[in-house]
Amino acid sequence: MVEQLGYALRALGRSTEASRLLEPFARAWSDRADTRFLAALLAMDQGHVDRARRGFLRCLELRGHAPRRRRARPGASTIAPAHNLGVIAEVQCDGRGALVVRARPAVRSVAPREPRAGLERLAARTSA
C-alpha cells in the first residue's frame, strides 16, 4: 500500500513528498527490491543520481532473494533497475557502462536487441 501511494505521489510530480513517506519503510524493508526500486526512482527524480545508482545496484543484488514481507515482483530486481542504470549511463554518455549493465545475465535474457546494438555503437564512439 505504501508503494502504491509513493507511485501515485510520483505521478502527481510530488517525488520529494513520496520520498519522505517511503524513507522509514525503505529502511525497515531493506531486503525488498520493490521498495528499494521505488526509493531509487524517487532519488533519480530529485536529481540524486549517485543515490539512485546505488539503489538500483542494490535491487540487482536482491535478485532471487525472497523478502521477509510480501512477495516481490521479479522485475524489481532484474530488468527495471538495470534499465534505469543503463539510462543513467547513457545520459552521462557512458555507452560502455550501459553495455556492462545490460550484459548482466538477469538482464541480457529479457533486454531487446535493438537498444543493445545502439549502445554498442555509442560505446565504440565514446571509447575512440
N, C-alpha and C. Protein backbone atom coordinates (compact mmCIF):
# COMPACT_ATOMS: atom_id res chain seq x y z
N MET A 1 0.81 -1.19 0.00
CA MET A 1 0.00 0.00 0.00
C MET A 1 0.87 1.27 0.00
N VAL A 2 1.95 1.25 0.77
CA VAL A 2 2.84 2.41 0.83
C VAL A 2 3.47 2.66 -0.54
N GLU A 3 3.87 1.59 -1.22
CA GLU A 3 4.49 1.75 -2.53
C GLU A 3 3.50 2.34 -3.53
N GLN A 4 2.25 1.88 -3.49
CA GLN A 4 1.25 2.43 -4.41
C GLN A 4 1.05 3.92 -4.17
N LEU A 5 1.02 4.33 -2.90
CA LEU A 5 0.90 5.74 -2.58
C LEU A 5 2.12 6.50 -3.09
N GLY A 6 3.31 5.91 -2.94
CA GLY A 6 4.53 6.53 -3.45
C GLY A 6 4.48 6.74 -4.96
N TYR A 7 4.01 5.72 -5.68
CA TYR A 7 3.89 5.85 -7.14
C TYR A 7 2.85 6.89 -7.52
N ALA A 8 1.76 6.95 -6.75
CA ALA A 8 0.72 7.94 -7.03
C ALA A 8 1.26 9.36 -6.83
N LEU A 9 1.98 9.57 -5.73
CA LEU A 9 2.57 10.89 -5.49
C LEU A 9 3.58 11.24 -6.58
N ARG A 10 4.36 10.25 -7.01
CA ARG A 10 5.34 10.48 -8.08
C ARG A 10 4.63 10.90 -9.36
N ALA A 11 3.52 10.23 -9.68
CA ALA A 11 2.76 10.58 -10.89
C ALA A 11 2.22 12.00 -10.83
N LEU A 12 1.99 12.49 -9.62
CA LEU A 12 1.50 13.86 -9.44
C LEU A 12 2.65 14.88 -9.37
N GLY A 13 3.88 14.40 -9.57
CA GLY A 13 5.03 15.29 -9.52
C GLY A 13 5.47 15.64 -8.11
N ARG A 14 5.13 14.78 -7.16
CA ARG A 14 5.45 15.04 -5.75
C ARG A 14 6.45 14.01 -5.22
N SER A 15 7.55 13.87 -5.94
CA SER A 15 8.56 12.86 -5.59
C SER A 15 9.23 13.12 -4.25
N THR A 16 9.43 14.37 -3.90
CA THR A 16 10.05 14.68 -2.60
C THR A 16 9.14 14.21 -1.46
N GLU A 17 7.87 14.48 -1.58
CA GLU A 17 6.90 14.04 -0.57
C GLU A 17 6.85 12.51 -0.52
N ALA A 18 6.85 11.88 -1.67
CA ALA A 18 6.83 10.42 -1.74
C ALA A 18 8.08 9.84 -1.08
N SER A 19 9.22 10.48 -1.30
CA SER A 19 10.48 10.03 -0.71
C SER A 19 10.42 10.07 0.81
N ARG A 20 9.92 11.18 1.34
CA ARG A 20 9.80 11.30 2.80
C ARG A 20 8.87 10.24 3.37
N LEU A 21 7.79 9.97 2.67
CA LEU A 21 6.84 8.95 3.11
C LEU A 21 7.47 7.56 3.09
N LEU A 22 8.21 7.27 2.03
CA LEU A 22 8.77 5.93 1.83
C LEU A 22 10.00 5.65 2.69
N GLU A 23 10.73 6.69 3.07
CA GLU A 23 12.01 6.53 3.74
C GLU A 23 12.01 5.54 4.92
N PRO A 24 11.11 5.66 5.89
CA PRO A 24 11.15 4.70 7.01
C PRO A 24 10.86 3.26 6.58
N PHE A 25 10.03 3.11 5.57
CA PHE A 25 9.71 1.77 5.09
C PHE A 25 10.88 1.18 4.31
N ALA A 26 11.58 2.01 3.56
CA ALA A 26 12.76 1.54 2.81
C ALA A 26 13.84 1.06 3.77
N ARG A 27 13.98 1.76 4.90
CA ARG A 27 14.95 1.30 5.91
C ARG A 27 14.50 -0.01 6.53
N ALA A 28 13.24 -0.10 6.88
CA ALA A 28 12.72 -1.31 7.55
C ALA A 28 12.67 -2.50 6.59
N TRP A 29 12.41 -2.24 5.33
CA TRP A 29 12.28 -3.31 4.34
C TRP A 29 13.47 -3.32 3.39
N SER A 30 14.65 -3.26 3.91
CA SER A 30 15.85 -3.16 3.07
C SER A 30 16.06 -4.38 2.19
N ASP A 31 15.37 -5.48 2.49
CA ASP A 31 15.50 -6.70 1.68
C ASP A 31 14.42 -6.80 0.61
N ARG A 32 13.63 -5.79 0.45
CA ARG A 32 12.52 -5.83 -0.51
C ARG A 32 12.87 -4.98 -1.74
N ALA A 33 13.10 -5.64 -2.87
CA ALA A 33 13.52 -4.95 -4.09
C ALA A 33 12.50 -3.93 -4.56
N ASP A 34 11.21 -4.22 -4.43
CA ASP A 34 10.18 -3.30 -4.89
C ASP A 34 10.31 -1.94 -4.19
N THR A 35 10.52 -1.98 -2.88
CA THR A 35 10.64 -0.75 -2.09
C THR A 35 11.93 -0.02 -2.44
N ARG A 36 13.03 -0.77 -2.55
CA ARG A 36 14.32 -0.17 -2.90
C ARG A 36 14.25 0.46 -4.29
N PHE A 37 13.55 -0.21 -5.22
CA PHE A 37 13.44 0.30 -6.59
C PHE A 37 12.72 1.66 -6.59
N LEU A 38 11.59 1.73 -5.88
CA LEU A 38 10.85 2.98 -5.83
C LEU A 38 11.69 4.08 -5.18
N ALA A 39 12.39 3.76 -4.12
CA ALA A 39 13.25 4.75 -3.46
C ALA A 39 14.31 5.27 -4.44
N ALA A 40 14.88 4.38 -5.25
CA ALA A 40 15.89 4.78 -6.23
C ALA A 40 15.27 5.66 -7.32
N LEU A 41 14.07 5.30 -7.78
CA LEU A 41 13.38 6.12 -8.78
C LEU A 41 13.13 7.53 -8.26
N LEU A 42 12.67 7.60 -7.02
CA LEU A 42 12.39 8.90 -6.42
C LEU A 42 13.67 9.72 -6.27
N ALA A 43 14.77 9.06 -5.92
CA ALA A 43 16.06 9.75 -5.82
C ALA A 43 16.46 10.31 -7.19
N MET A 44 16.24 9.51 -8.23
CA MET A 44 16.57 9.96 -9.59
C MET A 44 15.71 11.16 -9.97
N ASP A 45 14.42 11.10 -9.63
CA ASP A 45 13.52 12.22 -9.91
C ASP A 45 14.03 13.52 -9.29
N GLN A 46 14.63 13.41 -8.12
CA GLN A 46 15.07 14.58 -7.37
C GLN A 46 16.50 15.01 -7.72
N GLY A 47 17.10 14.32 -8.70
CA GLY A 47 18.44 14.68 -9.14
C GLY A 47 19.57 14.08 -8.31
N HIS A 48 19.25 13.14 -7.45
CA HIS A 48 20.27 12.47 -6.63
C HIS A 48 20.75 11.21 -7.38
N VAL A 49 21.52 11.44 -8.41
CA VAL A 49 21.90 10.37 -9.34
C VAL A 49 22.75 9.29 -8.66
N ASP A 50 23.71 9.68 -7.84
CA ASP A 50 24.55 8.67 -7.17
C ASP A 50 23.72 7.80 -6.23
N ARG A 51 22.82 8.42 -5.48
CA ARG A 51 21.96 7.64 -4.59
C ARG A 51 21.05 6.72 -5.39
N ALA A 52 20.52 7.21 -6.51
CA ALA A 52 19.68 6.39 -7.37
C ALA A 52 20.48 5.19 -7.91
N ARG A 53 21.69 5.47 -8.37
CA ARG A 53 22.54 4.39 -8.91
C ARG A 53 22.78 3.32 -7.85
N ARG A 54 23.13 3.75 -6.62
CA ARG A 54 23.35 2.79 -5.54
C ARG A 54 22.07 1.98 -5.25
N GLY A 55 20.93 2.64 -5.29
CA GLY A 55 19.67 1.95 -5.04
C GLY A 55 19.36 0.93 -6.11
N PHE A 56 19.57 1.28 -7.38
CA PHE A 56 19.32 0.33 -8.47
C PHE A 56 20.29 -0.85 -8.39
N LEU A 57 21.54 -0.58 -8.05
CA LEU A 57 22.51 -1.68 -7.89
C LEU A 57 22.10 -2.61 -6.76
N ARG A 58 21.60 -2.03 -5.67
CA ARG A 58 21.12 -2.85 -4.55
C ARG A 58 19.95 -3.73 -4.99
N CYS A 59 19.08 -3.21 -5.82
CA CYS A 59 17.97 -4.01 -6.36
C CYS A 59 18.50 -5.23 -7.11
N LEU A 60 19.52 -5.01 -7.94
CA LEU A 60 20.09 -6.13 -8.69
C LEU A 60 20.72 -7.16 -7.76
N GLU A 61 21.31 -6.69 -6.66
CA GLU A 61 21.88 -7.62 -5.68
C GLU A 61 20.80 -8.47 -5.02
N LEU A 62 19.58 -7.99 -4.97
CA LEU A 62 18.48 -8.71 -4.31
C LEU A 62 17.83 -9.74 -5.22
N ARG A 63 18.32 -9.88 -6.44
CA ARG A 63 17.73 -10.86 -7.37
C ARG A 63 17.70 -12.25 -6.74
N GLY A 64 16.54 -12.86 -6.77
CA GLY A 64 16.38 -14.21 -6.24
C GLY A 64 16.18 -14.27 -4.74
N HIS A 65 16.27 -13.12 -4.08
CA HIS A 65 16.11 -13.07 -2.63
C HIS A 65 14.63 -12.92 -2.30
N ALA A 66 14.11 -13.76 -1.45
CA ALA A 66 12.71 -13.67 -1.03
C ALA A 66 12.63 -12.76 0.20
N PRO A 67 11.95 -11.63 0.08
CA PRO A 67 11.86 -10.72 1.23
C PRO A 67 11.03 -11.31 2.35
N ARG A 68 11.28 -10.83 3.55
CA ARG A 68 10.52 -11.29 4.72
C ARG A 68 9.05 -10.92 4.61
N ARG A 69 8.77 -9.80 4.05
CA ARG A 69 7.39 -9.31 3.94
C ARG A 69 6.95 -9.35 2.48
N ARG A 70 5.81 -9.92 2.26
CA ARG A 70 5.16 -9.93 0.95
C ARG A 70 6.02 -10.51 -0.16
N ARG A 71 5.39 -10.74 -1.25
CA ARG A 71 6.09 -11.17 -2.45
C ARG A 71 6.69 -9.96 -3.15
N ALA A 72 7.79 -10.19 -3.82
CA ALA A 72 8.40 -9.12 -4.61
C ALA A 72 8.23 -9.44 -6.09
N ARG A 73 8.05 -8.42 -6.88
CA ARG A 73 7.96 -8.61 -8.33
C ARG A 73 9.35 -8.86 -8.88
N PRO A 74 9.52 -9.88 -9.70
CA PRO A 74 10.86 -10.20 -10.23
C PRO A 74 11.50 -9.04 -10.99
N GLY A 75 10.71 -8.24 -11.69
CA GLY A 75 11.25 -7.13 -12.46
C GLY A 75 11.94 -6.08 -11.61
N ALA A 76 11.58 -6.00 -10.33
CA ALA A 76 12.17 -5.00 -9.44
C ALA A 76 13.62 -5.33 -9.10
N SER A 77 14.05 -6.55 -9.38
CA SER A 77 15.44 -6.92 -9.10
C SER A 77 16.17 -7.40 -10.36
N THR A 78 15.57 -7.14 -11.53
CA THR A 78 16.22 -7.55 -12.78
C THR A 78 16.17 -6.40 -13.81
N ILE A 79 15.23 -6.49 -14.71
CA ILE A 79 15.22 -5.58 -15.87
C ILE A 79 14.94 -4.13 -15.50
N ALA A 80 14.06 -3.86 -14.54
CA ALA A 80 13.70 -2.47 -14.22
C ALA A 80 14.89 -1.68 -13.68
N PRO A 81 15.59 -2.16 -12.65
CA PRO A 81 16.75 -1.38 -12.19
C PRO A 81 17.88 -1.34 -13.22
N ALA A 82 18.07 -2.42 -13.95
CA ALA A 82 19.12 -2.43 -14.98
C ALA A 82 18.81 -1.41 -16.06
N HIS A 83 17.54 -1.32 -16.44
CA HIS A 83 17.15 -0.33 -17.45
C HIS A 83 17.51 1.07 -16.96
N ASN A 84 17.16 1.38 -15.72
CA ASN A 84 17.43 2.71 -15.19
C ASN A 84 18.92 2.99 -15.04
N LEU A 85 19.69 1.97 -14.66
CA LEU A 85 21.15 2.14 -14.62
C LEU A 85 21.68 2.42 -16.02
N GLY A 86 21.12 1.72 -17.01
CA GLY A 86 21.51 1.96 -18.40
C GLY A 86 21.17 3.37 -18.84
N VAL A 87 20.00 3.85 -18.44
CA VAL A 87 19.58 5.21 -18.80
C VAL A 87 20.54 6.23 -18.17
N ILE A 88 20.89 6.03 -16.90
CA ILE A 88 21.83 6.94 -16.24
C ILE A 88 23.15 6.96 -17.01
N ALA A 89 23.65 5.78 -17.36
CA ALA A 89 24.91 5.71 -18.10
C ALA A 89 24.80 6.38 -19.46
N GLU A 90 23.69 6.15 -20.16
CA GLU A 90 23.50 6.75 -21.48
C GLU A 90 23.46 8.27 -21.40
N VAL A 91 22.72 8.79 -20.43
CA VAL A 91 22.61 10.25 -20.27
C VAL A 91 23.97 10.85 -19.97
N GLN A 92 24.80 10.10 -19.27
CA GLN A 92 26.15 10.57 -18.97
C GLN A 92 27.13 10.21 -20.08
N CYS A 93 26.59 9.79 -21.24
CA CYS A 93 27.38 9.43 -22.43
C CYS A 93 28.39 8.32 -22.13
N ASP A 94 27.99 7.38 -21.31
CA ASP A 94 28.83 6.24 -20.95
C ASP A 94 28.26 4.98 -21.59
N GLY A 95 28.47 4.86 -22.89
CA GLY A 95 27.95 3.69 -23.62
C GLY A 95 28.51 2.39 -23.10
N ARG A 96 29.77 2.38 -22.74
CA ARG A 96 30.40 1.16 -22.21
C ARG A 96 29.73 0.77 -20.88
N GLY A 97 29.49 1.73 -20.01
CA GLY A 97 28.83 1.46 -18.74
C GLY A 97 27.42 0.91 -18.94
N ALA A 98 26.71 1.47 -19.91
CA ALA A 98 25.36 0.99 -20.20
C ALA A 98 25.40 -0.45 -20.70
N LEU A 99 26.40 -0.76 -21.52
CA LEU A 99 26.53 -2.14 -22.01
C LEU A 99 26.83 -3.11 -20.87
N VAL A 100 27.67 -2.70 -19.93
CA VAL A 100 28.01 -3.56 -18.80
C VAL A 100 26.76 -3.90 -18.00
N VAL A 101 25.93 -2.90 -17.76
CA VAL A 101 24.69 -3.13 -17.02
C VAL A 101 23.79 -4.09 -17.78
N ARG A 102 23.65 -3.84 -19.07
CA ARG A 102 22.72 -4.66 -19.85
C ARG A 102 23.29 -6.04 -20.18
N ALA A 103 24.57 -6.28 -19.90
CA ALA A 103 25.16 -7.58 -20.16
C ALA A 103 24.97 -8.55 -19.00
N ARG A 104 24.45 -8.08 -17.87
CA ARG A 104 24.21 -8.97 -16.73
C ARG A 104 23.27 -10.10 -17.16
N PRO A 105 23.53 -11.32 -16.72
CA PRO A 105 22.69 -12.45 -17.15
C PRO A 105 21.20 -12.23 -16.89
N ALA A 106 20.84 -11.64 -15.78
CA ALA A 106 19.41 -11.42 -15.47
C ALA A 106 18.76 -10.45 -16.43
N VAL A 107 19.56 -9.61 -17.05
CA VAL A 107 19.04 -8.58 -17.93
C VAL A 107 19.15 -9.01 -19.38
N ARG A 108 20.25 -9.62 -19.73
CA ARG A 108 20.52 -10.00 -21.12
C ARG A 108 19.39 -10.83 -21.71
N SER A 109 18.80 -11.72 -20.90
CA SER A 109 17.77 -12.61 -21.41
C SER A 109 16.47 -11.89 -21.74
N VAL A 110 16.24 -10.70 -21.17
CA VAL A 110 14.99 -10.00 -21.42
C VAL A 110 15.17 -8.66 -22.13
N ALA A 111 16.40 -8.22 -22.30
CA ALA A 111 16.65 -6.91 -22.93
C ALA A 111 16.49 -7.02 -24.45
N PRO A 112 15.79 -6.07 -25.05
CA PRO A 112 15.65 -6.07 -26.51
C PRO A 112 16.99 -5.92 -27.21
N ARG A 113 17.12 -6.50 -28.38
CA ARG A 113 18.39 -6.47 -29.11
C ARG A 113 18.70 -5.12 -29.73
N GLU A 114 17.67 -4.39 -30.20
CA GLU A 114 17.91 -3.12 -30.89
C GLU A 114 18.61 -2.10 -29.98
N PRO A 115 18.13 -1.89 -28.74
CA PRO A 115 18.87 -0.94 -27.90
C PRO A 115 20.30 -1.37 -27.63
N ARG A 116 20.54 -2.67 -27.53
CA ARG A 116 21.91 -3.14 -27.31
C ARG A 116 22.80 -2.76 -28.49
N ALA A 117 22.28 -2.89 -29.70
CA ALA A 117 23.06 -2.54 -30.89
C ALA A 117 23.40 -1.05 -30.87
N GLY A 118 22.43 -0.23 -30.48
CA GLY A 118 22.68 1.21 -30.38
C GLY A 118 23.72 1.53 -29.32
N LEU A 119 23.66 0.82 -28.21
CA LEU A 119 24.64 1.05 -27.14
C LEU A 119 26.03 0.63 -27.58
N GLU A 120 26.12 -0.44 -28.37
CA GLU A 120 27.42 -0.86 -28.87
C GLU A 120 28.03 0.22 -29.76
N ARG A 121 27.16 0.86 -30.58
CA ARG A 121 27.66 1.96 -31.43
C ARG A 121 28.10 3.13 -30.56
N LEU A 122 27.32 3.47 -29.52
CA LEU A 122 27.68 4.56 -28.62
C LEU A 122 28.99 4.24 -27.89
N ALA A 123 29.15 3.01 -27.44
CA ALA A 123 30.38 2.61 -26.74
C ALA A 123 31.58 2.74 -27.66
N ALA A 124 31.41 2.35 -28.92
CA ALA A 124 32.50 2.45 -29.88
C ALA A 124 32.90 3.92 -30.11
N ARG A 125 31.91 4.80 -30.19
CA ARG A 125 32.18 6.23 -30.41
C ARG A 125 32.84 6.86 -29.20
N THR A 126 32.39 6.50 -27.99
CA THR A 126 32.91 7.15 -26.79
C THR A 126 34.28 6.60 -26.38
N SER A 127 34.64 5.41 -26.85
CA SER A 127 35.94 4.86 -26.49
C SER A 127 37.03 5.25 -27.49
N ALA A 128 36.62 5.80 -28.61
CA ALA A 128 37.60 6.18 -29.65
C ALA A 128 38.29 7.48 -29.32
